């Protein structure tokens, strides 16, 4: 799941593991334990469930401050360039 990083249904997983003779009940139990461990997330669409690899949390506030500082530097450089060319 991590290498492909796309949503999977239970049937997709069962089909992929069929050559290893892993049954649907084992897949259901494994998915339930991964959900409890927060390694994957589940989205329900009607009766069907789709499983996704848990994504890392968004960057913290310090990254936003760093981006704002870089934006200020870019604006200053653009103003200096406009002053020289204009």
C-alpha atoms as a PDB file:
ATOM      1  CA  UNK A   1       0.000   0.000   0.000  1.00  0.00           C
ATOM      2  CA  UNK A   2       2.813   2.409   0.795  1.00  0.00           C
ATOM      3  CA  UNK A   3       4.666   1.856  -2.476  1.00  0.00           C
ATOM      4  CA  UNK A   4       1.624   2.590  -4.648  1.00  0.00           C
ATOM      5  CA  UNK A   5       0.076   5.228  -2.331  1.00  0.00           C
ATOM      6  CA  UNK A   6      -3.425   4.895  -3.737  1.00  0.00           C
ATOM      7  CA  UNK A   7      -6.785   3.876  -2.280  1.00  0.00           C
ATOM      8  CA  UNK A   8      -7.542   0.173  -2.018  1.00  0.00           C
ATOM      9  CA  UNK A   9     -10.777  -1.686  -1.424  1.00  0.00           C
ATOM     10  CA  UNK A  10     -10.857  -4.944   0.498  1.00  0.00           C
ATOM     11  CA  UNK A  11     -11.371  -6.812  -2.768  1.00  0.00           C
ATOM     12  CA  UNK A  12      -8.278  -5.162  -4.305  1.00  0.00           C
ATOM     13  CA  UNK A  13      -6.193  -6.374  -1.396  1.00  0.00           C
ATOM     14  CA  UNK A  14      -7.693  -9.874  -1.444  1.00  0.00           C
ATOM     15  CA  UNK A  15      -7.041 -10.148  -5.182  1.00  0.00           C
ATOM     16  CA  UNK A  16      -3.430  -9.061  -4.738  1.00  0.00           C
ATOM     17  CA  UNK A  17      -2.844 -11.557  -1.924  1.00  0.00           C
ATOM     18  CA  UNK A  18      -4.741 -14.442  -3.514  1.00  0.00           C
ATOM     19  CA  UNK A  19      -1.545 -16.048  -4.832  1.00  0.00           C
ATOM     20  CA  UNK A  20      -0.385 -16.340  -1.202  1.00  0.00           C
ATOM     21  CA  UNK A  21      -3.710 -18.036  -0.305  1.00  0.00           C
ATOM     22  CA  UNK A  22      -4.745 -15.288   2.119  1.00  0.00           C
ATOM     23  CA  UNK A  23      -8.512 -15.183   2.610  1.00  0.00           C
ATOM     24  CA  UNK A  24     -10.845 -12.230   2.995  1.00  0.00           C
ATOM     25  CA  UNK A  25     -11.396 -12.751   6.725  1.00  0.00           C
ATOM     26  CA  UNK A  26      -7.640 -12.494   7.356  1.00  0.00           C
ATOM     27  CA  UNK A  27      -7.496  -9.308   5.283  1.00  0.00           C
ATOM     28  CA  UNK A  28     -10.451  -7.852   7.232  1.00  0.00           C
ATOM     29  CA  UNK A  29      -8.744  -8.608  10.551  1.00  0.00           C
ATOM     30  CA  UNK A  30      -5.441  -7.145   9.367  1.00  0.00           C
ATOM     31  CA  UNK A  31      -7.130  -3.976   8.131  1.00  0.00           C
ATOM     32  CA  UNK A  32      -8.957  -3.614  11.451  1.00  0.00           C
ATOM     33  CA  UNK A  33      -5.684  -3.888  13.388  1.00  0.00           C
ATOM     34  CA  UNK A  34      -3.989  -1.382  11.059  1.00  0.00           C
ATOM     35  CA  UNK A  35      -6.914   1.000  11.583  1.00  0.00           C
ATOM     36  CA  UNK A  36      -6.533   0.655  15.350  1.00  0.00           C
ATOM     37  CA  UNK A  37      -2.803   1.385  15.045  1.00  0.00           C
ATOM     38  CA  UNK A  38      -3.597   4.423  12.834  1.00  0.00           C
ATOM     39  CA  UNK A  39      -1.318   3.109  10.080  1.00  0.00           C
ATOM     40  CA  UNK A  40      -4.130   3.401   7.549  1.00  0.00           C
ATOM     41  CA  UNK A  41      -7.322   5.412   7.258  1.00  0.00           C
ATOM     42  CA  UNK A  42     -10.744   4.310   6.081  1.00  0.00           C
ATOM     43  CA  UNK A  43     -13.255   6.252   4.018  1.00  0.00           C
ATOM     44  CA  UNK A  44     -16.785   4.976   3.623  1.00  0.00           C
ATOM     45  CA  UNK A  45     -18.663   5.476   0.371  1.00  0.00           C
ATOM     46  CA  UNK A  46     -22.105   4.014   0.894  1.00  0.00           C
ATOM     47  CA  UNK A  47     -21.622   0.327   1.610  1.00  0.00           C
ATOM     48  CA  UNK A  48     -18.065   0.158   0.325  1.00  0.00           C
ATOM     49  CA  UNK A  49     -14.964   1.085   2.278  1.00  0.00           C
ATOM     50  CA  UNK A  50     -11.719   2.398   0.829  1.00  0.00           C
ATOM     51  CA  UNK A  51      -8.434   2.164   2.704  1.00  0.00           C
ATOM     52  CA  UNK A  52      -5.553   4.625   2.381  1.00  0.00           C
ATOM     53  CA  UNK A  53      -2.096   4.823   3.889  1.00  0.00           C
ATOM     54  CA  UNK A  54      -2.063   7.391   6.691  1.00  0.00           C
ATOM     55  CA  UNK A  55      -0.405  10.577   5.432  1.00  0.00           C
ATOM     56  CA  UNK A  56       2.079  12.485   7.571  1.00  0.00           C
ATOM     57  CA  UNK A  57       0.718  15.461   9.485  1.00  0.00           C
ATOM     58  CA  UNK A  58       0.894  18.872   7.828  1.00  0.00           C
ATOM     59  CA  UNK A  59       3.932  21.032   8.519  1.00  0.00           C
ATOM     60  CA  UNK A  60       3.970  22.954  11.762  1.00  0.00           C
ATOM     61  CA  UNK A  61       3.651  26.708  12.209  1.00  0.00           C
ATOM     62  CA  UNK A  62       7.410  27.302  11.968  1.00  0.00           C
ATOM     63  CA  UNK A  63       7.305  26.198   8.328  1.00  0.00           C
ATOM     64  CA  UNK A  64       4.625  28.819   7.669  1.00  0.00           C
ATOM     65  CA  UNK A  65       6.782  31.511   9.277  1.00  0.00           C
ATOM     66  CA  UNK A  66       9.730  30.451   7.121  1.00  0.00           C
ATOM     67  CA  UNK A  67       7.548  30.634   4.001  1.00  0.00           C
ATOM     68  CA  UNK A  68       6.370  34.117   4.956  1.00  0.00           C
ATOM     69  CA  UNK A  69       9.969  35.262   5.415  1.00  0.00           C
ATOM     70  CA  UNK A  70      10.910  33.899   1.992  1.00  0.00           C
ATOM     71  CA  UNK A  71       7.883  35.613   0.445  1.00  0.00           C
ATOM     72  CA  UNK A  72       9.046  38.918   1.959  1.00  0.00           C
ATOM     73  CA  UNK A  73      12.527  38.408   0.480  1.00  0.00           C
ATOM     74  CA  UNK A  74      11.021  37.689  -2.947  1.00  0.00           C
ATOM     75  CA  UNK A  75       8.868  40.819  -2.771  1.00  0.00           C
ATOM     76  CA  UNK A  76      11.915  42.937  -1.848  1.00  0.00           C
ATOM     77  CA  UNK A  77      13.933  41.458  -4.707  1.00  0.00           C
ATOM     78  CA  UNK A  78      11.110  42.126  -7.154  1.00  0.00           C
ATOM     79  CA  UNK A  79      10.826  45.718  -5.962  1.00  0.00           C
ATOM     80  CA  UNK A  80      14.586  46.240  -6.349  1.00  0.00           C
ATOM     81  CA  UNK A  81      14.471  44.748  -9.850  1.00  0.00           C
ATOM     82  CA  UNK A  82      11.532  46.910 -10.841  1.00  0.00           C
ATOM     83  CA  UNK A  83      13.358  49.968  -9.518  1.00  0.00           C
ATOM     84  CA  UNK A  84      16.465  49.164 -11.577  1.00  0.00           C
ATOM     85  CA  UNK A  85      14.560  48.387 -14.799  1.00  0.00           C
ATOM     86  CA  UNK A  86      11.847  50.975 -14.511  1.00  0.00           C
END
